[in-house]
Amino acid sequence: MSYFNTDGLGFYLQNAYVKDWIDNTMVFMEVDNVKQFWNELLKLELTSKYDNIRLTPIRELEWGKECFLHDPSGILWHFGEFNTK
């Protein structure tokens, strides 16, 4: 198991692969500014550097905005910004 930490945020990874889990895994990460985050994702040119990566542009919903990254392992990452009222 490995722990990754940056700027006070962290997560664990372990060496385990269960296809049913991967095919049904979604991670939501709240960001301050989804448009800025989207532009940073585009600058990384992930789709040209890695196989099996998909980016889905920002959608505006009643609760806020989000964009998506499908990573090479099949995990769907949601990057979202909640509306502030």
C-alpha atoms as a PDB file:
ATOM      1  CA  MET A   1       0.000   0.000   0.000  1.00  0.00           C
ATOM      2  CA  SER A   2       1.263   3.501  -0.854  1.00  0.00           C
ATOM      3  CA  TYR A   3       0.159   6.871   0.455  1.00  0.00           C
ATOM      4  CA  PHE A   4       0.300   9.952  -1.790  1.00  0.00           C
ATOM      5  CA  ASN A   5       0.088  13.409  -0.233  1.00  0.00           C
ATOM      6  CA  THR A   6       0.248  16.902  -1.679  1.00  0.00           C
ATOM      7  CA  ASP A   7      -0.759  20.188  -0.095  1.00  0.00           C
ATOM      8  CA  GLY A   8      -2.532  18.463   2.776  1.00  0.00           C
ATOM      9  CA  LEU A   9      -4.601  16.135   0.566  1.00  0.00           C
ATOM     10  CA  GLY A  10      -3.814  12.477   0.327  1.00  0.00           C
ATOM     11  CA  PHE A  11      -4.996   9.078  -0.805  1.00  0.00           C
ATOM     12  CA  TYR A  12      -3.921   5.449  -0.549  1.00  0.00           C
ATOM     13  CA  LEU A  13      -3.228   3.036  -3.394  1.00  0.00           C
ATOM     14  CA  GLN A  14      -2.867  -0.672  -2.951  1.00  0.00           C
ATOM     15  CA  ASN A  15      -1.703  -3.429  -5.243  1.00  0.00           C
ATOM     16  CA  ALA A  16      -5.081  -5.066  -5.807  1.00  0.00           C
ATOM     17  CA  TYR A  17      -7.064  -5.511  -8.995  1.00  0.00           C
ATOM     18  CA  VAL A  18     -10.688  -6.581  -8.952  1.00  0.00           C
ATOM     19  CA  LYS A  19     -12.247  -6.025 -12.378  1.00  0.00           C
ATOM     20  CA  ASP A  20     -15.784  -5.546 -11.034  1.00  0.00           C
ATOM     21  CA  TRP A  21     -14.545  -2.804  -8.691  1.00  0.00           C
ATOM     22  CA  ILE A  22     -12.566  -0.998 -11.379  1.00  0.00           C
ATOM     23  CA  ASP A  23     -15.433  -1.136 -13.874  1.00  0.00           C
ATOM     24  CA  ASN A  24     -17.684   0.518 -11.289  1.00  0.00           C
ATOM     25  CA  THR A  25     -15.344   3.012  -9.621  1.00  0.00           C
ATOM     26  CA  MET A  26     -15.977   6.736  -9.692  1.00  0.00           C
ATOM     27  CA  VAL A  27     -14.026   9.368  -7.786  1.00  0.00           C
ATOM     28  CA  PHE A  28     -15.367  12.883  -7.212  1.00  0.00           C
ATOM     29  CA  MET A  29     -12.868  15.637  -6.484  1.00  0.00           C
ATOM     30  CA  GLU A  30     -14.133  19.091  -5.595  1.00  0.00           C
ATOM     31  CA  VAL A  31     -12.137  21.935  -7.142  1.00  0.00           C
ATOM     32  CA  ASP A  32     -12.380  25.702  -6.605  1.00  0.00           C
ATOM     33  CA  ASN A  33     -12.587  26.570 -10.296  1.00  0.00           C
ATOM     34  CA  VAL A  34     -13.588  23.831 -12.714  1.00  0.00           C
ATOM     35  CA  LYS A  35     -12.824  25.930 -15.808  1.00  0.00           C
ATOM     36  CA  GLN A  36      -9.261  26.542 -14.627  1.00  0.00           C
ATOM     37  CA  PHE A  37      -8.891  22.862 -13.718  1.00  0.00           C
ATOM     38  CA  TRP A  38     -10.194  21.835 -17.171  1.00  0.00           C
ATOM     39  CA  ASN A  39      -7.646  24.098 -18.877  1.00  0.00           C
ATOM     40  CA  GLU A  40      -4.866  22.537 -16.784  1.00  0.00           C
ATOM     41  CA  LEU A  41      -6.027  19.056 -17.808  1.00  0.00           C
ATOM     42  CA  LEU A  42      -5.928  20.088 -21.482  1.00  0.00           C
ATOM     43  CA  LYS A  43      -2.395  21.486 -21.126  1.00  0.00           C
ATOM     44  CA  LEU A  44      -1.211  18.071 -19.923  1.00  0.00           C
ATOM     45  CA  GLU A  45      -2.159  16.556 -23.320  1.00  0.00           C
ATOM     46  CA  LEU A  46      -3.097  13.312 -21.580  1.00  0.00           C
ATOM     47  CA  THR A  47      -5.075  11.891 -24.508  1.00  0.00           C
ATOM     48  CA  SER A  48      -2.056  12.066 -26.805  1.00  0.00           C
ATOM     49  CA  LYS A  49       0.399  10.749 -24.193  1.00  0.00           C
ATOM     50  CA  TYR A  50      -1.571   7.780 -22.861  1.00  0.00           C
ATOM     51  CA  ASP A  51      -3.846   5.121 -24.287  1.00  0.00           C
ATOM     52  CA  ASN A  52      -7.393   4.715 -23.027  1.00  0.00           C
ATOM     53  CA  ILE A  53      -7.798   8.208 -21.569  1.00  0.00           C
ATOM     54  CA  ARG A  54     -10.884  10.248 -22.338  1.00  0.00           C
ATOM     55  CA  LEU A  55     -11.727  13.771 -21.282  1.00  0.00           C
ATOM     56  CA  THR A  56     -15.301  15.037 -21.195  1.00  0.00           C
ATOM     57  CA  PRO A  57     -15.740  18.831 -21.238  1.00  0.00           C
ATOM     58  CA  ILE A  58     -17.459  20.866 -18.535  1.00  0.00           C
ATOM     59  CA  ARG A  59     -21.180  20.379 -18.006  1.00  0.00           C
ATOM     60  CA  GLU A  60     -23.287  22.876 -16.127  1.00  0.00           C
ATOM     61  CA  LEU A  61     -25.847  21.322 -13.799  1.00  0.00           C
ATOM     62  CA  GLU A  62     -28.246  22.752 -11.237  1.00  0.00           C
ATOM     63  CA  TRP A  63     -25.790  22.024  -8.386  1.00  0.00           C
ATOM     64  CA  GLY A  64     -22.669  23.342 -10.166  1.00  0.00           C
ATOM     65  CA  LYS A  65     -20.221  22.377 -12.926  1.00  0.00           C
ATOM     66  CA  GLU A  66     -18.129  19.300 -13.594  1.00  0.00           C
ATOM     67  CA  CYS A  67     -15.809  17.720 -16.137  1.00  0.00           C
ATOM     68  CA  PHE A  68     -14.628  14.120 -16.405  1.00  0.00           C
ATOM     69  CA  LEU A  69     -11.494  12.084 -16.946  1.00  0.00           C
ATOM     70  CA  HIS A  70     -11.656   8.366 -17.745  1.00  0.00           C
ATOM     71  CA  ASP A  71      -8.272   7.033 -16.664  1.00  0.00           C
ATOM     72  CA  PRO A  72      -6.414   4.093 -18.263  1.00  0.00           C
ATOM     73  CA  SER A  73      -7.602   1.664 -15.580  1.00  0.00           C
ATOM     74  CA  GLY A  74     -11.251   2.515 -16.284  1.00  0.00           C
ATOM     75  CA  ILE A  75     -11.902   4.747 -13.286  1.00  0.00           C
ATOM     76  CA  LEU A  76     -14.140   7.740 -13.947  1.00  0.00           C
ATOM     77  CA  TRP A  77     -12.904  10.912 -12.250  1.00  0.00           C
ATOM     78  CA  HIS A  78     -15.402  13.739 -11.714  1.00  0.00           C
ATOM     79  CA  PHE A  79     -13.920  17.183 -11.073  1.00  0.00           C
ATOM     80  CA  GLY A  80     -16.649  19.466  -9.785  1.00  0.00           C
ATOM     81  CA  GLU A  81     -17.304  22.958  -8.531  1.00  0.00           C
ATOM     82  CA  PHE A  82     -20.423  23.493  -6.417  1.00  0.00           C
ATOM     83  CA  ASN A  83     -22.562  26.600  -6.816  1.00  0.00           C
ATOM     84  CA  THR A  84     -22.152  29.048  -3.973  1.00  0.00           C
ATOM     85  CA  LYS A  85     -25.191  30.973  -2.880  1.00  0.00           C
END
